[in-house]
């Protein structure tokens, strides 16, 4: 904040071959957009890992932008931007569950010759981010809780990547097939049934690493139903993540 004017911090991951070229053309052509974007150039949008997005928010970014080549026009890896598309779908769902407005994350395809399109996108995204305010303000979540949620999600990234590789692969690489897959609800079901389960366990383990807690204390801290916590605790015990301390009558890390 400066003089009552919010100046958001936006981290942008731009592919070298298309979107970065579009941003460069935008500058050369003197198309105007707010100076909030901090660019990180990568060889391909498919290189953007989910943990990059989470770490950007963990380090104080108010929004994250990913720009790549148009689908079926990837200059580095023919399948790269499809990988980015799947990552973006997962990222938005995970951010929403963490407590971060999914509108703070945006994926767009921009060619090297679309300087004016890049400016239009950044103007719109900057406006959206300004309206949302500093990270956590529009969501009504404090920094400590947000940090805790993001760190729990980061620990889950390797598992999410495994689920993505095994269960979220569309054999035919066309935009139509991908949109059909996402519209089918398969991603929603996998996310709710598999990823959210592991996310809750990650949060529980993180809490217990600070101090031993009872089921009711865990439920209160995570705003979960005690029966849900019991189920997650049972699963965590089978995986060897937590143990029950008989003397203190509470749970602790294994």
Protein backbone atom coordinates (compact mmCIF):
# COMPACT_ATOMS: atom_id res chain seq x y z
CA UNK A 1 0.00 0.00 0.00
CA UNK A 2 1.24 3.50 -0.82
CA UNK A 3 -1.00 6.46 -0.28
CA UNK A 4 -4.01 4.15 -0.17
CA UNK A 5 -3.22 2.69 -3.62
CA UNK A 6 -2.67 -1.05 -3.78
CA UNK A 7 0.16 -2.10 -6.08
CA UNK A 8 -0.07 -5.87 -6.53
CA UNK A 9 2.87 -8.19 -6.96
CA UNK A 10 2.28 -10.49 -9.92
CA UNK A 11 4.72 -13.26 -10.79
CA UNK A 12 4.66 -14.26 -14.46
CA UNK A 13 6.13 -17.48 -15.88
CA UNK A 14 6.48 -16.91 -19.64
CA UNK A 15 7.59 -19.46 -22.21
CA UNK A 16 10.67 -18.40 -24.16
CA UNK A 17 9.32 -19.11 -27.62
CA UNK A 18 5.92 -17.42 -27.66
CA UNK A 19 4.61 -15.52 -24.66
CA UNK A 20 7.96 -13.95 -23.80
CA UNK A 21 8.23 -12.84 -27.42
CA UNK A 22 4.71 -11.42 -27.21
CA UNK A 23 5.67 -9.51 -24.05
CA UNK A 24 8.79 -8.20 -25.78
CA UNK A 25 6.76 -7.08 -28.80
CA UNK A 26 4.31 -5.43 -26.43
CA UNK A 27 7.16 -3.36 -24.97
CA UNK A 28 8.71 -2.50 -28.33
CA UNK A 29 5.29 -1.42 -29.64
CA UNK A 30 4.74 0.68 -26.49
CA UNK A 31 1.43 -0.97 -25.65
CA UNK A 32 0.58 0.03 -22.10
CA UNK A 33 -0.14 -2.18 -19.09
CA UNK A 34 0.52 -1.70 -15.33
CA UNK A 35 4.11 -2.38 -14.15
CA UNK A 36 3.14 -5.05 -11.61
CA UNK A 37 4.42 -8.10 -13.50
CA UNK A 38 7.73 -9.70 -12.52
CA UNK A 39 8.76 -12.03 -15.34
CA UNK A 40 10.47 -15.41 -15.04
CA UNK A 41 11.35 -16.79 -18.47
CA UNK A 42 11.18 -20.57 -18.95
CA UNK A 43 11.79 -22.74 -21.99
CA UNK A 44 8.26 -24.15 -22.00
CA UNK A 45 5.00 -23.61 -20.12
CA UNK A 46 5.06 -27.37 -19.45
CA UNK A 47 8.11 -26.71 -17.28
CA UNK A 48 5.95 -24.87 -14.75
CA UNK A 49 5.58 -27.12 -11.73
CA UNK A 50 2.65 -26.80 -9.35
CA UNK A 51 5.15 -26.06 -6.58
CA UNK A 52 6.27 -22.93 -8.47
CA UNK A 53 2.73 -21.56 -8.18
CA UNK A 54 2.42 -22.43 -4.49
CA UNK A 55 5.86 -21.04 -3.64
CA UNK A 56 5.10 -17.79 -5.45
CA UNK A 57 2.07 -17.27 -3.20
CA UNK A 58 4.01 -18.46 -0.15
CA UNK A 59 6.64 -15.81 -0.89
CA UNK A 60 4.07 -13.03 -1.01
CA UNK A 61 2.84 -12.81 -4.60
CA UNK A 62 -0.70 -11.45 -4.91
CA UNK A 63 -1.26 -13.25 -8.22
CA UNK A 64 0.49 -15.66 -10.60
CA UNK A 65 0.37 -15.68 -14.40
CA UNK A 66 1.51 -18.43 -16.78
CA UNK A 67 1.85 -17.72 -20.50
CA UNK A 68 2.62 -20.29 -23.17
CA UNK A 69 2.32 -21.08 -26.86
CA UNK A 70 -1.11 -21.73 -28.31
CA UNK A 71 -2.21 -25.36 -28.06
CA UNK A 72 -0.77 -27.53 -30.87
CA UNK A 73 1.80 -24.80 -31.58
CA UNK A 74 4.38 -25.52 -28.88
CA UNK A 75 7.88 -24.68 -30.19
CA UNK A 76 9.84 -26.59 -27.57
CA UNK A 77 7.86 -29.70 -26.58
CA UNK A 78 4.76 -30.67 -28.62
CA UNK A 79 2.97 -31.71 -25.43
CA UNK A 80 4.28 -28.99 -23.14
CA UNK A 81 1.32 -26.64 -23.13
CA UNK A 82 -1.09 -29.53 -22.60
CA UNK A 83 0.87 -30.38 -19.45
CA UNK A 84 0.51 -26.73 -18.42
CA UNK A 85 -3.23 -26.93 -19.05
CA UNK A 86 -3.66 -29.92 -16.71
CA UNK A 87 -1.45 -28.25 -14.09
CA UNK A 88 -3.58 -25.10 -14.25
CA UNK A 89 -6.81 -27.04 -13.68
CA UNK A 90 -5.34 -28.74 -10.62
CA UNK A 91 -3.81 -25.48 -9.36
CA UNK A 92 -7.11 -23.61 -9.45
CA UNK A 93 -8.93 -26.35 -7.55
CA UNK A 94 -6.16 -26.64 -4.97
CA UNK A 95 -5.92 -22.88 -4.47
CA UNK A 96 -9.66 -22.68 -3.90
CA UNK A 97 -9.46 -25.39 -1.25
CA UNK A 98 -6.46 -23.75 0.43
CA UNK A 99 -8.43 -20.53 0.74
CA UNK A 100 -6.93 -18.51 -2.13
CA UNK A 101 -9.28 -17.07 -4.73
CA UNK A 102 -8.61 -19.05 -7.97
CA UNK A 103 -8.91 -15.78 -9.91
CA UNK A 104 -5.46 -14.92 -8.57
CA UNK A 105 -4.05 -17.52 -10.98
CA UNK A 106 -4.32 -17.26 -14.76
CA UNK A 107 -3.08 -19.30 -17.73
CA UNK A 108 -3.14 -17.83 -21.25
CA UNK A 109 -1.78 -18.69 -24.69
CA UNK A 110 0.05 -15.81 -26.39
CA UNK A 111 2.11 -16.06 -29.59
CA UNK A 112 5.24 -14.01 -30.26
CA UNK A 113 3.25 -11.82 -32.65
CA UNK A 114 0.44 -11.00 -30.20
CA UNK A 115 1.91 -8.04 -28.35
CA UNK A 116 -1.41 -6.24 -28.09
CA UNK A 117 -3.10 -9.42 -26.80
CA UNK A 118 -0.46 -9.67 -24.07
CA UNK A 119 -1.15 -6.07 -23.05
CA UNK A 120 -4.92 -6.68 -22.98
CA UNK A 121 -4.50 -9.79 -20.83
CA UNK A 122 -2.19 -8.08 -18.36
CA UNK A 123 -4.45 -5.04 -18.10
CA UNK A 124 -7.41 -7.28 -17.30
CA UNK A 125 -5.47 -9.50 -14.88
CA UNK A 126 -3.95 -6.50 -13.11
CA UNK A 127 -7.40 -4.99 -12.68
CA UNK A 128 -8.75 -8.27 -11.27
CA UNK A 129 -5.84 -8.50 -8.82
CA UNK A 130 -6.25 -4.87 -7.70
CA UNK A 131 -9.94 -5.52 -7.02
CA UNK A 132 -9.08 -8.61 -4.98
CA UNK A 133 -6.56 -6.66 -2.92
CA UNK A 134 -3.51 -8.05 -1.10
CA UNK A 135 -3.30 -11.83 -0.84
CA UNK A 136 -5.65 -13.02 1.88
CA UNK A 137 -7.65 -9.80 2.22
CA UNK A 138 -10.60 -10.68 -0.03
CA UNK A 139 -10.40 -14.30 1.15
CA UNK A 140 -10.63 -13.33 4.81
CA UNK A 141 -7.70 -15.53 5.81
CA UNK A 142 -4.77 -14.39 7.94
CA UNK A 143 -1.14 -14.76 6.89
CA UNK A 144 -0.31 -17.48 9.45
CA UNK A 145 -3.19 -19.73 8.35
CA UNK A 146 -2.46 -19.10 4.69
CA UNK A 147 1.21 -20.01 5.20
CA UNK A 148 0.20 -23.20 7.02
CA UNK A 149 -2.18 -24.21 4.21
CA UNK A 150 0.36 -23.50 1.46
CA UNK A 151 3.12 -25.44 3.23
CA UNK A 152 0.78 -28.43 3.67
CA UNK A 153 -0.10 -28.27 -0.03
CA UNK A 154 3.58 -28.06 -1.04
CA UNK A 155 4.29 -31.35 0.74
CA UNK A 156 1.52 -32.90 -1.34
CA UNK A 157 2.93 -31.91 -4.76
CA UNK A 158 4.87 -35.16 -5.43
CA UNK A 159 1.72 -37.18 -4.77
CA UNK A 160 -0.39 -34.88 -6.96
CA UNK A 161 2.11 -35.29 -9.80
CA UNK A 162 1.84 -39.06 -9.44
CA UNK A 163 -1.96 -38.89 -9.59
CA UNK A 164 -1.73 -36.59 -12.61
CA UNK A 165 0.61 -38.95 -14.43
CA UNK A 166 -1.43 -42.06 -13.66
CA UNK A 167 -5.02 -40.80 -13.76
CA UNK A 168 -5.20 -37.45 -15.57
CA UNK A 169 -3.61 -38.27 -18.90
CA UNK A 170 -5.72 -37.79 -22.01
CA UNK A 171 -4.41 -40.10 -24.77
CA UNK A 172 -5.39 -37.80 -27.66
CA UNK A 173 -3.70 -34.39 -27.54
CA UNK A 174 -6.39 -32.09 -28.88
CA UNK A 175 -8.10 -29.18 -27.22
CA UNK A 176 -11.51 -30.74 -27.84
CA UNK A 177 -10.55 -33.98 -26.09
CA UNK A 178 -9.14 -32.12 -23.11
CA UNK A 179 -12.20 -29.91 -22.69
CA UNK A 180 -14.39 -33.01 -22.98
CA UNK A 181 -12.34 -34.71 -20.26
CA UNK A 182 -12.51 -31.75 -17.88
CA UNK A 183 -16.23 -31.29 -18.51
CA UNK A 184 -16.86 -34.96 -17.67
CA UNK A 185 -16.18 -34.33 -13.98
CA UNK A 186 -13.33 -36.87 -13.78
CA UNK A 187 -10.94 -34.24 -12.46
CA UNK A 188 -13.44 -33.14 -9.79
CA UNK A 189 -13.99 -36.72 -8.62
CA UNK A 190 -10.29 -37.53 -8.47
CA UNK A 191 -9.55 -34.31 -6.64
CA UNK A 192 -12.31 -34.82 -4.05
CA UNK A 193 -11.70 -38.54 -3.51
CA UNK A 194 -7.91 -38.70 -3.61
CA UNK A 195 -6.14 -35.36 -3.37
CA UNK A 196 -8.28 -33.78 -0.64
CA UNK A 197 -7.82 -36.88 1.51
CA UNK A 198 -4.02 -36.57 1.32
CA UNK A 199 -4.19 -32.79 1.84
CA UNK A 200 -6.08 -33.25 5.10
CA UNK A 201 -3.52 -35.81 6.25
CA UNK A 202 -0.70 -33.41 5.35
CA UNK A 203 -2.35 -30.71 7.48
CA UNK A 204 -2.82 -33.09 10.41
CA UNK A 205 0.81 -34.23 10.33
CA UNK A 206 1.96 -30.60 10.15
CA UNK A 207 -0.13 -29.75 13.22
CA UNK A 208 1.16 -32.71 15.20
CA UNK A 209 4.76 -31.77 14.41
CA UNK A 210 4.20 -28.64 16.49
CA UNK A 211 2.67 -30.46 19.47
CA UNK A 212 0.58 -33.56 20.30
CA UNK A 213 -3.17 -32.99 19.92
CA UNK A 214 -6.43 -34.81 20.53
CA UNK A 215 -8.97 -35.53 17.82
CA UNK A 216 -11.21 -32.67 18.97
CA UNK A 217 -8.27 -30.22 19.02
CA UNK A 218 -7.28 -31.21 15.48
CA UNK A 219 -10.87 -30.82 14.30
CA UNK A 220 -11.10 -27.36 15.84
CA UNK A 221 -7.78 -26.23 14.33
CA UNK A 222 -8.66 -27.43 10.81
CA UNK A 223 -12.38 -26.63 10.97
CA UNK A 224 -13.24 -30.27 10.25
CA UNK A 225 -15.84 -32.65 11.63
CA UNK A 226 -14.33 -34.88 14.38
CA UNK A 227 -15.52 -37.97 12.49
CA UNK A 228 -13.59 -36.79 9.43
CA UNK A 229 -10.49 -36.25 11.56
CA UNK A 230 -10.83 -39.76 13.00
CA UNK A 231 -10.98 -41.22 9.51
CA UNK A 232 -7.91 -39.27 8.43
CA UNK A 233 -6.09 -40.26 11.62
CA UNK A 234 -6.83 -43.94 10.98
CA UNK A 235 -5.46 -43.65 7.45
CA UNK A 236 -2.42 -41.73 8.71
CA UNK A 237 -1.75 -44.46 11.27
CA UNK A 238 -1.83 -47.13 8.56
CA UNK A 239 0.68 -45.12 6.52
CA UNK A 240 2.87 -44.76 9.61
CA UNK A 241 2.57 -40.97 9.77
CA UNK A 242 1.07 -40.63 13.26
CA UNK A 243 0.82 -42.63 16.47
CA UNK A 244 -1.36 -42.52 19.56
CA UNK A 245 0.40 -41.49 22.77
CA UNK A 246 -1.30 -43.50 25.52
CA UNK A 247 0.22 -41.52 28.39
CA UNK A 248 -0.88 -38.12 27.04
CA UNK A 249 -4.02 -39.55 25.39
CA UNK A 250 -3.42 -37.67 22.18
CA UNK A 251 -1.83 -38.11 18.76
CA UNK A 252 1.76 -37.31 17.82
CA UNK A 253 4.03 -37.81 14.78
CA UNK A 254 5.19 -41.40 14.32
